[in-house]
Amino acid sequence: LWGGLPQIDQTWLVHKHGFAFESHSDVALVYGPAGPYVVSVFLFRSGWMDWETSNGTMKNISRIIWNFFNFYQQQTGVAPGAPLELEPPPGYIPLGQFVPAQ
């Protein structure tokens, strides 16, 4: 989904993609022109889902959604506000500090 954004390196985004033989998916929280939004895309093709098809489709969907919110912001003047600040949940242990139970 990040591939469809106009300025990838300047856009606040967190996402998780998934792949299997017949399906590709991506879920993202994007800080867009009118504020944060969530987008979720799940694609399926019987037999095999190829990367070119799924990647191109997800880019197009992401670009269309971004353009909608950009148009909305221009028409309404809605200010997006400050970007989100996410904190780790209580008890979070960074991967480099994790020690498995013995």
N, C-alpha and C. Protein backbone atom coordinates (compact mmCIF):
# COMPACT_ATOMS: atom_id res chain seq x y z
N LEU A 1 0.82 -1.20 0.00
CA LEU A 1 0.00 0.00 0.00
C LEU A 1 0.86 1.25 0.00
N TRP A 2 2.02 1.20 0.64
CA TRP A 2 2.87 2.38 0.70
C TRP A 2 3.34 2.80 -0.68
N GLY A 3 3.41 1.88 -1.63
CA GLY A 3 3.87 2.21 -2.97
C GLY A 3 2.96 3.15 -3.73
N GLY A 4 1.70 3.28 -3.31
CA GLY A 4 0.77 4.18 -3.97
C GLY A 4 0.73 5.57 -3.38
N LEU A 5 1.51 5.81 -2.33
CA LEU A 5 1.53 7.13 -1.70
C LEU A 5 2.44 8.08 -2.47
N PRO A 6 2.10 9.38 -2.54
CA PRO A 6 2.87 10.31 -3.37
C PRO A 6 4.29 10.56 -2.88
N GLN A 7 4.52 10.63 -1.59
CA GLN A 7 5.85 10.88 -1.03
C GLN A 7 6.10 9.84 0.05
N ILE A 8 6.55 8.67 -0.38
CA ILE A 8 6.68 7.53 0.52
C ILE A 8 7.56 7.85 1.73
N ASP A 9 8.68 8.52 1.49
CA ASP A 9 9.63 8.78 2.58
C ASP A 9 9.19 9.91 3.50
N GLN A 10 8.09 10.61 3.16
CA GLN A 10 7.61 11.71 4.00
C GLN A 10 6.20 11.45 4.54
N THR A 11 5.71 10.24 4.41
CA THR A 11 4.36 9.91 4.86
C THR A 11 4.43 8.96 6.05
N TRP A 12 3.71 9.29 7.11
CA TRP A 12 3.64 8.46 8.31
C TRP A 12 2.76 7.26 7.99
N LEU A 13 3.30 6.06 8.18
CA LEU A 13 2.58 4.85 7.80
C LEU A 13 3.08 3.67 8.64
N VAL A 14 2.15 2.85 9.09
CA VAL A 14 2.50 1.54 9.65
C VAL A 14 1.63 0.53 8.90
N HIS A 15 2.25 -0.60 8.53
CA HIS A 15 1.47 -1.58 7.77
C HIS A 15 1.98 -2.99 8.02
N LYS A 16 1.15 -3.94 7.67
CA LYS A 16 1.50 -5.35 7.76
C LYS A 16 0.93 -6.05 6.53
N HIS A 17 1.82 -6.70 5.80
CA HIS A 17 1.34 -7.44 4.63
C HIS A 17 1.38 -8.94 4.90
N GLY A 18 0.65 -9.67 4.09
CA GLY A 18 0.61 -11.12 4.20
C GLY A 18 0.59 -11.75 2.82
N PHE A 19 1.22 -12.91 2.71
CA PHE A 19 1.29 -13.60 1.43
C PHE A 19 1.04 -15.09 1.61
N ALA A 20 0.31 -15.66 0.69
CA ALA A 20 0.13 -17.11 0.58
C ALA A 20 0.02 -17.40 -0.91
N PHE A 21 -0.08 -18.65 -1.28
CA PHE A 21 -0.09 -19.01 -2.69
C PHE A 21 -1.18 -18.29 -3.48
N GLU A 22 -2.39 -18.26 -2.95
CA GLU A 22 -3.54 -17.72 -3.68
C GLU A 22 -3.97 -16.34 -3.21
N SER A 23 -3.34 -15.81 -2.18
CA SER A 23 -3.82 -14.53 -1.66
C SER A 23 -2.66 -13.65 -1.18
N HIS A 24 -2.86 -12.36 -1.35
CA HIS A 24 -1.95 -11.34 -0.83
C HIS A 24 -2.81 -10.31 -0.11
N SER A 25 -2.27 -9.74 0.95
CA SER A 25 -3.03 -8.75 1.71
C SER A 25 -2.09 -7.69 2.28
N ASP A 26 -2.66 -6.56 2.62
CA ASP A 26 -1.93 -5.50 3.31
C ASP A 26 -2.94 -4.68 4.09
N VAL A 27 -2.59 -4.34 5.31
CA VAL A 27 -3.41 -3.50 6.18
C VAL A 27 -2.51 -2.36 6.62
N ALA A 28 -3.00 -1.12 6.53
CA ALA A 28 -2.16 0.02 6.87
C ALA A 28 -2.93 1.09 7.63
N LEU A 29 -2.21 1.77 8.51
CA LEU A 29 -2.67 2.98 9.15
C LEU A 29 -1.82 4.09 8.54
N VAL A 30 -2.48 5.00 7.84
CA VAL A 30 -1.80 6.05 7.08
C VAL A 30 -2.18 7.41 7.65
N TYR A 31 -1.20 8.27 7.81
CA TYR A 31 -1.49 9.65 8.21
C TYR A 31 -1.61 10.45 6.92
N GLY A 32 -2.85 10.67 6.47
CA GLY A 32 -3.12 11.29 5.18
C GLY A 32 -3.34 12.79 5.25
N PRO A 33 -3.70 13.38 4.12
CA PRO A 33 -3.89 14.83 4.01
C PRO A 33 -4.96 15.39 4.94
N ALA A 34 -5.98 14.59 5.27
CA ALA A 34 -7.07 15.05 6.14
C ALA A 34 -7.01 14.40 7.52
N GLY A 35 -5.93 13.68 7.81
CA GLY A 35 -5.78 12.99 9.08
C GLY A 35 -5.56 11.50 8.87
N PRO A 36 -5.52 10.73 9.94
CA PRO A 36 -5.24 9.30 9.81
C PRO A 36 -6.42 8.52 9.25
N TYR A 37 -6.09 7.47 8.49
CA TYR A 37 -7.12 6.55 7.99
C TYR A 37 -6.53 5.14 7.94
N VAL A 38 -7.42 4.16 7.93
CA VAL A 38 -7.02 2.76 7.86
C VAL A 38 -7.49 2.20 6.52
N VAL A 39 -6.63 1.43 5.88
CA VAL A 39 -7.00 0.77 4.64
C VAL A 39 -6.57 -0.70 4.75
N SER A 40 -7.42 -1.57 4.26
CA SER A 40 -7.17 -3.00 4.31
C SER A 40 -7.55 -3.61 2.97
N VAL A 41 -6.61 -4.32 2.36
CA VAL A 41 -6.84 -4.92 1.04
C VAL A 41 -6.48 -6.40 1.10
N PHE A 42 -7.40 -7.24 0.66
CA PHE A 42 -7.18 -8.68 0.57
C PHE A 42 -7.49 -9.10 -0.86
N LEU A 43 -6.52 -9.71 -1.53
CA LEU A 43 -6.70 -10.14 -2.92
C LEU A 43 -6.57 -11.66 -3.01
N PHE A 44 -7.39 -12.27 -3.87
CA PHE A 44 -7.39 -13.72 -4.04
C PHE A 44 -7.45 -14.05 -5.52
N ARG A 45 -6.66 -15.02 -5.93
CA ARG A 45 -6.73 -15.58 -7.28
C ARG A 45 -6.54 -17.09 -7.14
N SER A 46 -7.49 -17.84 -7.63
CA SER A 46 -7.43 -19.29 -7.54
C SER A 46 -6.17 -19.81 -8.24
N GLY A 47 -5.44 -20.66 -7.56
CA GLY A 47 -4.23 -21.25 -8.14
C GLY A 47 -2.97 -20.54 -7.70
N TRP A 48 -2.84 -19.25 -8.04
CA TRP A 48 -1.63 -18.50 -7.71
C TRP A 48 -1.88 -17.01 -7.87
N MET A 49 -1.53 -16.23 -6.87
CA MET A 49 -1.61 -14.77 -6.96
C MET A 49 -0.19 -14.28 -7.21
N ASP A 50 0.03 -13.63 -8.36
CA ASP A 50 1.38 -13.17 -8.68
C ASP A 50 1.63 -11.77 -8.11
N TRP A 51 2.90 -11.50 -7.81
CA TRP A 51 3.31 -10.25 -7.17
C TRP A 51 2.98 -9.03 -8.03
N GLU A 52 3.22 -9.09 -9.32
CA GLU A 52 2.97 -7.92 -10.18
C GLU A 52 1.50 -7.50 -10.14
N THR A 53 0.60 -8.46 -10.19
CA THR A 53 -0.83 -8.15 -10.14
C THR A 53 -1.22 -7.55 -8.79
N SER A 54 -0.82 -8.22 -7.71
CA SER A 54 -1.24 -7.74 -6.38
C SER A 54 -0.58 -6.42 -6.04
N ASN A 55 0.70 -6.26 -6.33
CA ASN A 55 1.40 -5.03 -6.00
C ASN A 55 0.81 -3.85 -6.77
N GLY A 56 0.58 -4.03 -8.06
CA GLY A 56 -0.01 -2.97 -8.87
C GLY A 56 -1.41 -2.60 -8.41
N THR A 57 -2.21 -3.60 -8.07
CA THR A 57 -3.57 -3.35 -7.60
C THR A 57 -3.56 -2.60 -6.28
N MET A 58 -2.69 -3.02 -5.35
CA MET A 58 -2.63 -2.34 -4.05
C MET A 58 -2.12 -0.91 -4.20
N LYS A 59 -1.15 -0.69 -5.07
CA LYS A 59 -0.67 0.68 -5.32
C LYS A 59 -1.80 1.56 -5.83
N ASN A 60 -2.57 1.04 -6.79
CA ASN A 60 -3.68 1.82 -7.36
C ASN A 60 -4.74 2.13 -6.31
N ILE A 61 -5.11 1.15 -5.51
CA ILE A 61 -6.10 1.37 -4.46
C ILE A 61 -5.61 2.42 -3.48
N SER A 62 -4.36 2.30 -3.06
CA SER A 62 -3.79 3.25 -2.11
C SER A 62 -3.76 4.67 -2.69
N ARG A 63 -3.35 4.79 -3.95
CA ARG A 63 -3.30 6.10 -4.61
C ARG A 63 -4.69 6.72 -4.70
N ILE A 64 -5.70 5.94 -5.05
CA ILE A 64 -7.07 6.44 -5.16
C ILE A 64 -7.57 6.95 -3.81
N ILE A 65 -7.30 6.19 -2.75
CA ILE A 65 -7.73 6.61 -1.41
C ILE A 65 -7.01 7.89 -1.00
N TRP A 66 -5.69 7.95 -1.21
CA TRP A 66 -4.94 9.17 -0.87
C TRP A 66 -5.50 10.37 -1.63
N ASN A 67 -5.74 10.19 -2.92
CA ASN A 67 -6.27 11.29 -3.74
C ASN A 67 -7.65 11.74 -3.26
N PHE A 68 -8.48 10.80 -2.81
CA PHE A 68 -9.78 11.18 -2.27
C PHE A 68 -9.62 12.08 -1.05
N PHE A 69 -8.78 11.67 -0.10
CA PHE A 69 -8.60 12.47 1.11
C PHE A 69 -7.88 13.79 0.82
N ASN A 70 -7.01 13.79 -0.17
CA ASN A 70 -6.37 15.04 -0.57
C ASN A 70 -7.41 16.01 -1.15
N PHE A 71 -8.29 15.51 -2.01
CA PHE A 71 -9.38 16.33 -2.57
C PHE A 71 -10.30 16.81 -1.46
N TYR A 72 -10.65 15.92 -0.54
CA TYR A 72 -11.52 16.27 0.59
C TYR A 72 -10.90 17.39 1.41
N GLN A 73 -9.61 17.28 1.69
CA GLN A 73 -8.92 18.29 2.48
C GLN A 73 -8.92 19.63 1.76
N GLN A 74 -8.69 19.62 0.45
CA GLN A 74 -8.68 20.86 -0.33
C GLN A 74 -10.06 21.51 -0.36
N GLN A 75 -11.11 20.70 -0.44
CA GLN A 75 -12.47 21.22 -0.51
C GLN A 75 -12.99 21.73 0.83
N THR A 76 -12.60 21.08 1.90
CA THR A 76 -13.15 21.43 3.21
C THR A 76 -12.21 22.25 4.08
N GLY A 77 -10.93 22.21 3.78
CA GLY A 77 -9.95 22.92 4.59
C GLY A 77 -9.67 22.24 5.92
N VAL A 78 -10.08 20.98 6.06
CA VAL A 78 -9.85 20.24 7.30
C VAL A 78 -8.35 20.11 7.54
N ALA A 79 -7.91 20.53 8.72
CA ALA A 79 -6.50 20.39 9.08
C ALA A 79 -6.27 19.01 9.69
N PRO A 80 -5.24 18.31 9.26
CA PRO A 80 -5.02 16.95 9.75
C PRO A 80 -4.58 16.85 11.20
N GLY A 81 -4.06 17.90 11.78
CA GLY A 81 -3.58 17.81 13.16
C GLY A 81 -2.21 17.16 13.23
N ALA A 82 -1.74 16.96 14.43
CA ALA A 82 -0.41 16.38 14.64
C ALA A 82 -0.42 14.88 14.35
N PRO A 83 0.70 14.35 13.83
CA PRO A 83 0.78 12.91 13.60
C PRO A 83 0.61 12.13 14.90
N LEU A 84 0.16 10.91 14.77
CA LEU A 84 -0.03 10.05 15.93
C LEU A 84 1.31 9.69 16.57
N GLU A 85 1.29 9.54 17.88
CA GLU A 85 2.46 9.04 18.60
C GLU A 85 2.05 7.73 19.26
N LEU A 86 2.63 6.65 18.78
CA LEU A 86 2.28 5.33 19.29
C LEU A 86 3.28 4.90 20.35
N GLU A 87 2.79 4.32 21.41
CA GLU A 87 3.62 3.82 22.50
C GLU A 87 3.52 2.29 22.53
N PRO A 88 4.61 1.61 22.88
CA PRO A 88 4.52 0.16 23.03
C PRO A 88 3.55 -0.20 24.15
N PRO A 89 2.92 -1.36 24.06
CA PRO A 89 2.00 -1.77 25.13
C PRO A 89 2.76 -2.10 26.41
N PRO A 90 2.07 -2.10 27.55
CA PRO A 90 2.73 -2.47 28.81
C PRO A 90 3.34 -3.87 28.71
N GLY A 91 4.53 -4.02 29.23
CA GLY A 91 5.19 -5.32 29.20
C GLY A 91 5.94 -5.61 27.91
N TYR A 92 5.96 -4.68 26.97
CA TYR A 92 6.65 -4.89 25.69
C TYR A 92 8.15 -5.05 25.92
N ILE A 93 8.74 -6.03 25.27
CA ILE A 93 10.18 -6.26 25.35
C ILE A 93 10.73 -6.19 23.93
N PRO A 94 11.66 -5.27 23.64
CA PRO A 94 12.25 -5.20 22.30
C PRO A 94 12.89 -6.54 21.94
N LEU A 95 12.85 -6.88 20.67
CA LEU A 95 13.32 -8.17 20.20
C LEU A 95 14.75 -8.45 20.64
N GLY A 96 15.63 -7.44 20.57
CA GLY A 96 17.03 -7.63 20.94
C GLY A 96 17.22 -7.92 22.42
N GLN A 97 16.22 -7.65 23.25
CA GLN A 97 16.32 -7.87 24.69
C GLN A 97 15.51 -9.09 25.15
N PHE A 98 14.83 -9.75 24.22
CA PHE A 98 13.98 -10.88 24.57
C PHE A 98 14.83 -12.10 24.90
N VAL A 99 14.54 -12.75 26.01
CA VAL A 99 15.22 -13.99 26.39
C VAL A 99 14.14 -15.06 26.56
N PRO A 100 14.19 -16.12 25.74
CA PRO A 100 13.17 -17.17 25.85
C PRO A 100 13.20 -17.85 27.23
N ALA A 101 12.05 -18.32 27.66
CA ALA A 101 11.97 -19.06 28.93
C ALA A 101 12.75 -20.35 28.81
N GLN A 102 13.41 -20.74 29.87
CA GLN A 102 14.24 -21.95 29.86
C GLN A 102 13.44 -23.15 30.30
